[in-house]
Amino acid sequence: MQLRKHVLQVRDIFHKTFDYDKDELSAKEEEALTIELEKLYKSLVSADRKEMQVLHDQFKSKEEELGAENS
């Protein structure tokens, strides 16, 4: 059960970062989002941080592939 909670936290952080791309995000909302993400990130254990890096690397790889296809 504890492992599942950490996996969900990692995914929450990853998906919440996309909220920064919302055009209608006010400065106050952006600040609140940053605070929320910092709290979530600080609650992670090192294994979760590694999982976060894996998700980030996968996303960057996919983003680069799509960029190459669109060129």
PDB file of N, CA and C in Angstrom:
ATOM      1  N   MET A   1       0.825  -1.193   0.000  1.00  0.00           N
ATOM      2  CA  MET A   1       0.000   0.000   0.000  1.00  0.00           C
ATOM      3  C   MET A   1       0.868   1.256   0.000  1.00  0.00           C
ATOM      4  N   GLN A   2       1.935   1.246   0.801  1.00  0.00           N
ATOM      5  CA  GLN A   2       2.831   2.398   0.879  1.00  0.00           C
ATOM      6  C   GLN A   2       3.501   2.658  -0.467  1.00  0.00           C
ATOM      7  N   LEU A   3       3.907   1.600  -1.163  1.00  0.00           N
ATOM      8  CA  LEU A   3       4.535   1.751  -2.470  1.00  0.00           C
ATOM      9  C   LEU A   3       3.575   2.406  -3.452  1.00  0.00           C
ATOM     10  N   ARG A   4       2.332   1.984  -3.432  1.00  0.00           N
ATOM     11  CA  ARG A   4       1.316   2.551  -4.327  1.00  0.00           C
ATOM     12  C   ARG A   4       1.161   4.050  -4.090  1.00  0.00           C
ATOM     13  N   LYS A   5       1.192   4.456  -2.836  1.00  0.00           N
ATOM     14  CA  LYS A   5       1.070   5.879  -2.492  1.00  0.00           C
ATOM     15  C   LYS A   5       2.213   6.671  -3.112  1.00  0.00           C
ATOM     16  N   HIS A   6       3.425   6.140  -3.024  1.00  0.00           N
ATOM     17  CA  HIS A   6       4.578   6.841  -3.580  1.00  0.00           C
ATOM     18  C   HIS A   6       4.512   6.921  -5.101  1.00  0.00           C
ATOM     19  N   VAL A   7       4.069   5.856  -5.743  1.00  0.00           N
ATOM     20  CA  VAL A   7       3.926   5.868  -7.203  1.00  0.00           C
ATOM     21  C   VAL A   7       2.928   6.937  -7.613  1.00  0.00           C
ATOM     22  N   LEU A   8       1.838   7.037  -6.885  1.00  0.00           N
ATOM     23  CA  LEU A   8       0.840   8.065  -7.186  1.00  0.00           C
ATOM     24  C   LEU A   8       1.409   9.463  -6.973  1.00  0.00           C
ATOM     25  N   GLN A   9       2.225   9.649  -5.940  1.00  0.00           N
ATOM     26  CA  GLN A   9       2.841  10.955  -5.701  1.00  0.00           C
ATOM     27  C   GLN A   9       3.749  11.338  -6.867  1.00  0.00           C
ATOM     28  N   VAL A  10       4.540  10.396  -7.339  1.00  0.00           N
ATOM     29  CA  VAL A  10       5.437  10.658  -8.466  1.00  0.00           C
ATOM     30  C   VAL A  10       4.629  11.053  -9.692  1.00  0.00           C
ATOM     31  N   ARG A  11       3.585  10.318  -9.968  1.00  0.00           N
ATOM     32  CA  ARG A  11       2.752  10.636 -11.134  1.00  0.00           C
ATOM     33  C   ARG A  11       2.038  11.971 -10.968  1.00  0.00           C
ATOM     34  N   ASP A  12       1.576  12.261  -9.757  1.00  0.00           N
ATOM     35  CA  ASP A  12       0.935  13.558  -9.496  1.00  0.00           C
ATOM     36  C   ASP A  12       1.887  14.704  -9.810  1.00  0.00           C
ATOM     37  N   ILE A  13       3.108  14.590  -9.337  1.00  0.00           N
ATOM     38  CA  ILE A  13       4.095  15.637  -9.587  1.00  0.00           C
ATOM     39  C   ILE A  13       4.336  15.779 -11.080  1.00  0.00           C
ATOM     40  N   PHE A  14       4.550  14.658 -11.737  1.00  0.00           N
ATOM     41  CA  PHE A  14       4.839  14.680 -13.172  1.00  0.00           C
ATOM     42  C   PHE A  14       3.711  15.344 -13.948  1.00  0.00           C
ATOM     43  N   HIS A  15       2.476  14.953 -13.665  1.00  0.00           N
ATOM     44  CA  HIS A  15       1.342  15.503 -14.409  1.00  0.00           C
ATOM     45  C   HIS A  15       1.044  16.953 -14.035  1.00  0.00           C
ATOM     46  N   LYS A  16       1.268  17.310 -12.784  1.00  0.00           N
ATOM     47  CA  LYS A  16       1.007  18.694 -12.366  1.00  0.00           C
ATOM     48  C   LYS A  16       1.965  19.678 -13.031  1.00  0.00           C
ATOM     49  N   THR A  17       3.146  19.208 -13.418  1.00  0.00           N
ATOM     50  CA  THR A  17       4.077  20.122 -14.081  1.00  0.00           C
ATOM     51  C   THR A  17       3.509  20.632 -15.399  1.00  0.00           C
ATOM     52  N   PHE A  18       2.614  19.875 -16.003  1.00  0.00           N
ATOM     53  CA  PHE A  18       2.000  20.323 -17.254  1.00  0.00           C
ATOM     54  C   PHE A  18       1.049  21.495 -17.026  1.00  0.00           C
ATOM     55  N   ASP A  19       0.590  21.684 -15.790  1.00  0.00           N
ATOM     56  CA  ASP A  19      -0.289  22.809 -15.482  1.00  0.00           C
ATOM     57  C   ASP A  19       0.408  24.147 -15.713  1.00  0.00           C
ATOM     58  N   TYR A  20       1.743  24.149 -15.699  1.00  0.00           N
ATOM     59  CA  TYR A  20       2.470  25.391 -15.961  1.00  0.00           C
ATOM     60  C   TYR A  20       2.244  25.887 -17.393  1.00  0.00           C
ATOM     61  N   ASP A  21       1.870  25.001 -18.294  1.00  0.00           N
ATOM     62  CA  ASP A  21       1.664  25.374 -19.695  1.00  0.00           C
ATOM     63  C   ASP A  21       0.308  26.018 -19.959  1.00  0.00           C
ATOM     64  N   LYS A  22      -0.554  26.007 -18.973  1.00  0.00           N
ATOM     65  CA  LYS A  22      -1.881  26.598 -19.164  1.00  0.00           C
ATOM     66  C   LYS A  22      -1.753  28.112 -19.335  1.00  0.00           C
ATOM     67  N   ASP A  23      -2.325  28.624 -20.405  1.00  0.00           N
ATOM     68  CA  ASP A  23      -2.237  30.056 -20.701  1.00  0.00           C
ATOM     69  C   ASP A  23      -2.956  30.913 -19.672  1.00  0.00           C
ATOM     70  N   GLU A  24      -4.050  30.402 -19.131  1.00  0.00           N
ATOM     71  CA  GLU A  24      -4.856  31.201 -18.208  1.00  0.00           C
ATOM     72  C   GLU A  24      -4.364  31.145 -16.760  1.00  0.00           C
ATOM     73  N   LEU A  25      -3.207  30.554 -16.531  1.00  0.00           N
ATOM     74  CA  LEU A  25      -2.654  30.422 -15.183  1.00  0.00           C
ATOM     75  C   LEU A  25      -2.160  31.789 -14.690  1.00  0.00           C
ATOM     76  N   SER A  26      -2.752  32.263 -13.602  1.00  0.00           N
ATOM     77  CA  SER A  26      -2.349  33.558 -13.041  1.00  0.00           C
ATOM     78  C   SER A  26      -1.061  33.386 -12.235  1.00  0.00           C
ATOM     79  N   ALA A  27      -0.437  34.497 -11.909  1.00  0.00           N
ATOM     80  CA  ALA A  27       0.794  34.458 -11.114  1.00  0.00           C
ATOM     81  C   ALA A  27       0.537  33.821  -9.752  1.00  0.00           C
ATOM     82  N   LYS A  28      -0.612  34.116  -9.164  1.00  0.00           N
ATOM     83  CA  LYS A  28      -0.962  33.552  -7.855  1.00  0.00           C
ATOM     84  C   LYS A  28      -1.162  32.035  -7.967  1.00  0.00           C
ATOM     85  N   GLU A  29      -1.831  31.588  -9.030  1.00  0.00           N
ATOM     86  CA  GLU A  29      -2.045  30.152  -9.237  1.00  0.00           C
ATOM     87  C   GLU A  29      -0.716  29.447  -9.503  1.00  0.00           C
ATOM     88  N   GLU A  30       0.160  30.096 -10.245  1.00  0.00           N
ATOM     89  CA  GLU A  30       1.472  29.512 -10.527  1.00  0.00           C
ATOM     90  C   GLU A  30       2.282  29.364  -9.240  1.00  0.00           C
ATOM     91  N   GLU A  31       2.212  30.360  -8.381  1.00  0.00           N
ATOM     92  CA  GLU A  31       2.916  30.295  -7.101  1.00  0.00           C
ATOM     93  C   GLU A  31       2.359  29.160  -6.236  1.00  0.00           C
ATOM     94  N   ALA A  32       1.038  29.022  -6.193  1.00  0.00           N
ATOM     95  CA  ALA A  32       0.404  27.951  -5.414  1.00  0.00           C
ATOM     96  C   ALA A  32       0.800  26.582  -5.964  1.00  0.00           C
ATOM     97  N   LEU A  33       0.852  26.461  -7.285  1.00  0.00           N
ATOM     98  CA  LEU A  33       1.254  25.207  -7.918  1.00  0.00           C
ATOM     99  C   LEU A  33       2.699  24.871  -7.569  1.00  0.00           C
ATOM    100  N   THR A  34       3.559  25.868  -7.602  1.00  0.00           N
ATOM    101  CA  THR A  34       4.967  25.657  -7.263  1.00  0.00           C
ATOM    102  C   THR A  34       5.116  25.179  -5.821  1.00  0.00           C
ATOM    103  N   ILE A  35       4.398  25.799  -4.911  1.00  0.00           N
ATOM    104  CA  ILE A  35       4.446  25.399  -3.499  1.00  0.00           C
ATOM    105  C   ILE A  35       3.946  23.964  -3.334  1.00  0.00           C
ATOM    106  N   GLU A  36       2.847  23.641  -4.003  1.00  0.00           N
ATOM    107  CA  GLU A  36       2.292  22.285  -3.922  1.00  0.00           C
ATOM    108  C   GLU A  36       3.279  21.255  -4.460  1.00  0.00           C
ATOM    109  N   LEU A  37       3.900  21.559  -5.590  1.00  0.00           N
ATOM    110  CA  LEU A  37       4.865  20.627  -6.173  1.00  0.00           C
ATOM    111  C   LEU A  37       6.097  20.467  -5.289  1.00  0.00           C
ATOM    112  N   GLU A  38       6.562  21.549  -4.699  1.00  0.00           N
ATOM    113  CA  GLU A  38       7.714  21.460  -3.798  1.00  0.00           C
ATOM    114  C   GLU A  38       7.408  20.575  -2.593  1.00  0.00           C
ATOM    115  N   LYS A  39       6.221  20.709  -2.030  1.00  0.00           N
ATOM    116  CA  LYS A  39       5.826  19.872  -0.891  1.00  0.00           C
ATOM    117  C   LYS A  39       5.767  18.401  -1.298  1.00  0.00           C
ATOM    118  N   LEU A  40       5.174  18.130  -2.457  1.00  0.00           N
ATOM    119  CA  LEU A  40       5.099  16.750  -2.932  1.00  0.00           C
ATOM    120  C   LEU A  40       6.492  16.185  -3.168  1.00  0.00           C
ATOM    121  N   TYR A  41       7.347  16.964  -3.809  1.00  0.00           N
ATOM    122  CA  TYR A  41       8.685  16.480  -4.124  1.00  0.00           C
ATOM    123  C   TYR A  41       9.491  16.200  -2.857  1.00  0.00           C
ATOM    124  N   LYS A  42       9.372  17.066  -1.867  1.00  0.00           N
ATOM    125  CA  LYS A  42      10.101  16.876  -0.608  1.00  0.00           C
ATOM    126  C   LYS A  42       9.631  15.631   0.140  1.00  0.00           C
ATOM    127  N   SER A  43       8.407  15.197  -0.109  1.00  0.00           N
ATOM    128  CA  SER A  43       7.876  14.023   0.584  1.00  0.00           C
ATOM    129  C   SER A  43       8.346  12.709  -0.043  1.00  0.00           C
ATOM    130  N   LEU A  44       8.984  12.799  -1.179  1.00  0.00           N
ATOM    131  CA  LEU A  44       9.427  11.587  -1.861  1.00  0.00           C
ATOM    132  C   LEU A  44      10.692  11.020  -1.227  1.00  0.00           C
ATOM    133  N   VAL A  45      10.823   9.714  -1.294  1.00  0.00           N
ATOM    134  CA  VAL A  45      12.058   9.062  -0.883  1.00  0.00           C
ATOM    135  C   VAL A  45      12.964   8.978  -2.108  1.00  0.00           C
ATOM    136  N   SER A  46      14.206   8.596  -1.921  1.00  0.00           N
ATOM    137  CA  SER A  46      15.157   8.604  -3.036  1.00  0.00           C
ATOM    138  C   SER A  46      14.723   7.697  -4.184  1.00  0.00           C
ATOM    139  N   ALA A  47      14.091   6.564  -3.882  1.00  0.00           N
ATOM    140  CA  ALA A  47      13.618   5.671  -4.946  1.00  0.00           C
ATOM    141  C   ALA A  47      12.583   6.376  -5.815  1.00  0.00           C
ATOM    142  N   ASP A  48      11.733   7.176  -5.169  1.00  0.00           N
ATOM    143  CA  ASP A  48      10.725   7.917  -5.915  1.00  0.00           C
ATOM    144  C   ASP A  48      11.368   8.979  -6.792  1.00  0.00           C
ATOM    145  N   ARG A  49      12.413   9.598  -6.293  1.00  0.00           N
ATOM    146  CA  ARG A  49      13.112  10.614  -7.083  1.00  0.00           C
ATOM    147  C   ARG A  49      13.737   9.983  -8.317  1.00  0.00           C
ATOM    148  N   LYS A  50      14.240   8.756  -8.164  1.00  0.00           N
ATOM    149  CA  LYS A  50      14.786   8.044  -9.324  1.00  0.00           C
ATOM    150  C   LYS A  50      13.677   7.753 -10.326  1.00  0.00           C
ATOM    151  N   GLU A  51      12.514   7.351  -9.842  1.00  0.00           N
ATOM    152  CA  GLU A  51      11.365   7.094 -10.713  1.00  0.00           C
ATOM    153  C   GLU A  51      10.953   8.378 -11.426  1.00  0.00           C
ATOM    154  N   MET A  52      11.002   9.483 -10.718  1.00  0.00           N
ATOM    155  CA  MET A  52      10.677  10.777 -11.309  1.00  0.00           C
ATOM    156  C   MET A  52      11.649  11.083 -12.448  1.00  0.00           C
ATOM    157  N   GLN A  53      12.920  10.790 -12.252  1.00  0.00           N
ATOM    158  CA  GLN A  53      13.925  11.028 -13.287  1.00  0.00           C
ATOM    159  C   GLN A  53      13.670  10.136 -14.492  1.00  0.00           C
ATOM    160  N   VAL A  54      13.273   8.895 -14.261  1.00  0.00           N
ATOM    161  CA  VAL A  54      12.949   7.979 -15.358  1.00  0.00           C
ATOM    162  C   VAL A  54      11.789   8.535 -16.176  1.00  0.00           C
ATOM    163  N   LEU A  55      10.732   8.985 -15.512  1.00  0.00           N
ATOM    164  CA  LEU A  55       9.597   9.577 -16.221  1.00  0.00           C
ATOM    165  C   LEU A  55      10.028  10.803 -17.015  1.00  0.00           C
ATOM    166  N   HIS A  56      10.852  11.626 -16.422  1.00  0.00           N
ATOM    167  CA  HIS A  56      11.333  12.830 -17.097  1.00  0.00           C
ATOM    168  C   HIS A  56      12.141  12.459 -18.340  1.00  0.00           C
ATOM    169  N   ASP A  57      13.037  11.486 -18.199  1.00  0.00           N
ATOM    170  CA  ASP A  57      13.862  11.055 -19.329  1.00  0.00           C
ATOM    171  C   ASP A  57      13.015  10.463 -20.449  1.00  0.00           C
ATOM    172  N   GLN A  58      12.003   9.670 -20.088  1.00  0.00           N
ATOM    173  CA  GLN A  58      11.109   9.098 -21.099  1.00  0.00           C
ATOM    174  C   GLN A  58      10.357  10.193 -21.834  1.00  0.00           C
ATOM    175  N   PHE A  59       9.890  11.179 -21.098  1.00  0.00           N
ATOM    176  CA  PHE A  59       9.156  12.281 -21.703  1.00  0.00           C
ATOM    177  C   PHE A  59      10.057  13.067 -22.653  1.00  0.00           C
ATOM    178  N   LYS A  60      11.267  13.381 -22.213  1.00  0.00           N
ATOM    179  CA  LYS A  60      12.204  14.134 -23.047  1.00  0.00           C
ATOM    180  C   LYS A  60      12.537  13.359 -24.315  1.00  0.00           C
ATOM    181  N   SER A  61      12.730  12.050 -24.181  1.00  0.00           N
ATOM    182  CA  SER A  61      13.039  11.209 -25.332  1.00  0.00           C
ATOM    183  C   SER A  61      11.900  11.242 -26.341  1.00  0.00           C
ATOM    184  N   LYS A  62      10.677  11.106 -25.857  1.00  0.00           N
ATOM    185  CA  LYS A  62       9.499  11.129 -26.723  1.00  0.00           C
ATOM    186  C   LYS A  62       9.349  12.501 -27.376  1.00  0.00           C
ATOM    187  N   GLU A  63       9.599  13.545 -26.602  1.00  0.00           N
ATOM    188  CA  GLU A  63       9.504  14.913 -27.110  1.00  0.00           C
ATOM    189  C   GLU A  63      10.519  15.133 -28.236  1.00  0.00           C
ATOM    190  N   GLU A  64      11.735  14.622 -28.059  1.00  0.00           N
ATOM    191  CA  GLU A  64      12.769  14.755 -29.083  1.00  0.00           C
ATOM    192  C   GLU A  64      12.399  13.965 -30.333  1.00  0.00           C
ATOM    193  N   GLU A  65      11.828  12.768 -30.163  1.00  0.00           N
ATOM    194  CA  GLU A  65      11.387  11.965 -31.307  1.00  0.00           C
ATOM    195  C   GLU A  65      10.322  12.703 -32.104  1.00  0.00           C
ATOM    196  N   LEU A  66       9.358  13.270 -31.404  1.00  0.00           N
ATOM    197  CA  LEU A  66       8.284  13.995 -32.076  1.00  0.00           C
ATOM    198  C   LEU A  66       8.817  15.240 -32.771  1.00  0.00           C
ATOM    199  N   GLY A  67       9.773  15.905 -32.153  1.00  0.00           N
ATOM    200  CA  GLY A  67      10.381  17.083 -32.761  1.00  0.00           C
ATOM    201  C   GLY A  67      11.115  16.727 -34.036  1.00  0.00           C
ATOM    202  N   ALA A  68      11.803  15.589 -34.038  1.00  0.00           N
ATOM    203  CA  ALA A  68      12.530  15.137 -35.225  1.00  0.00           C
ATOM    204  C   ALA A  68      11.567  14.757 -36.342  1.00  0.00           C
ATOM    205  N   GLU A  69      10.439  14.151 -35.989  1.00  0.00           N
ATOM    206  CA  GLU A  69       9.449  13.764 -36.990  1.00  0.00           C
ATOM    207  C   GLU A  69       8.790  14.983 -37.621  1.00  0.00           C
ATOM    208  N   ASN A  70       8.620  16.044 -36.856  1.00  0.00           N
ATOM    209  CA  ASN A  70       7.952  17.245 -37.352  1.00  0.00           C
ATOM    210  C   ASN A  70       8.892  18.170 -38.106  1.00  0.00           C
ATOM    211  N   SER A  71      10.184  17.871 -38.114  1.00  0.00           N
ATOM    212  CA  SER A  71      11.157  18.732 -38.808  1.00  0.00           C
ATOM    213  C   SER A  71      11.194  18.459 -40.277  1.00  0.00           C
TER     214      SER A  71
END
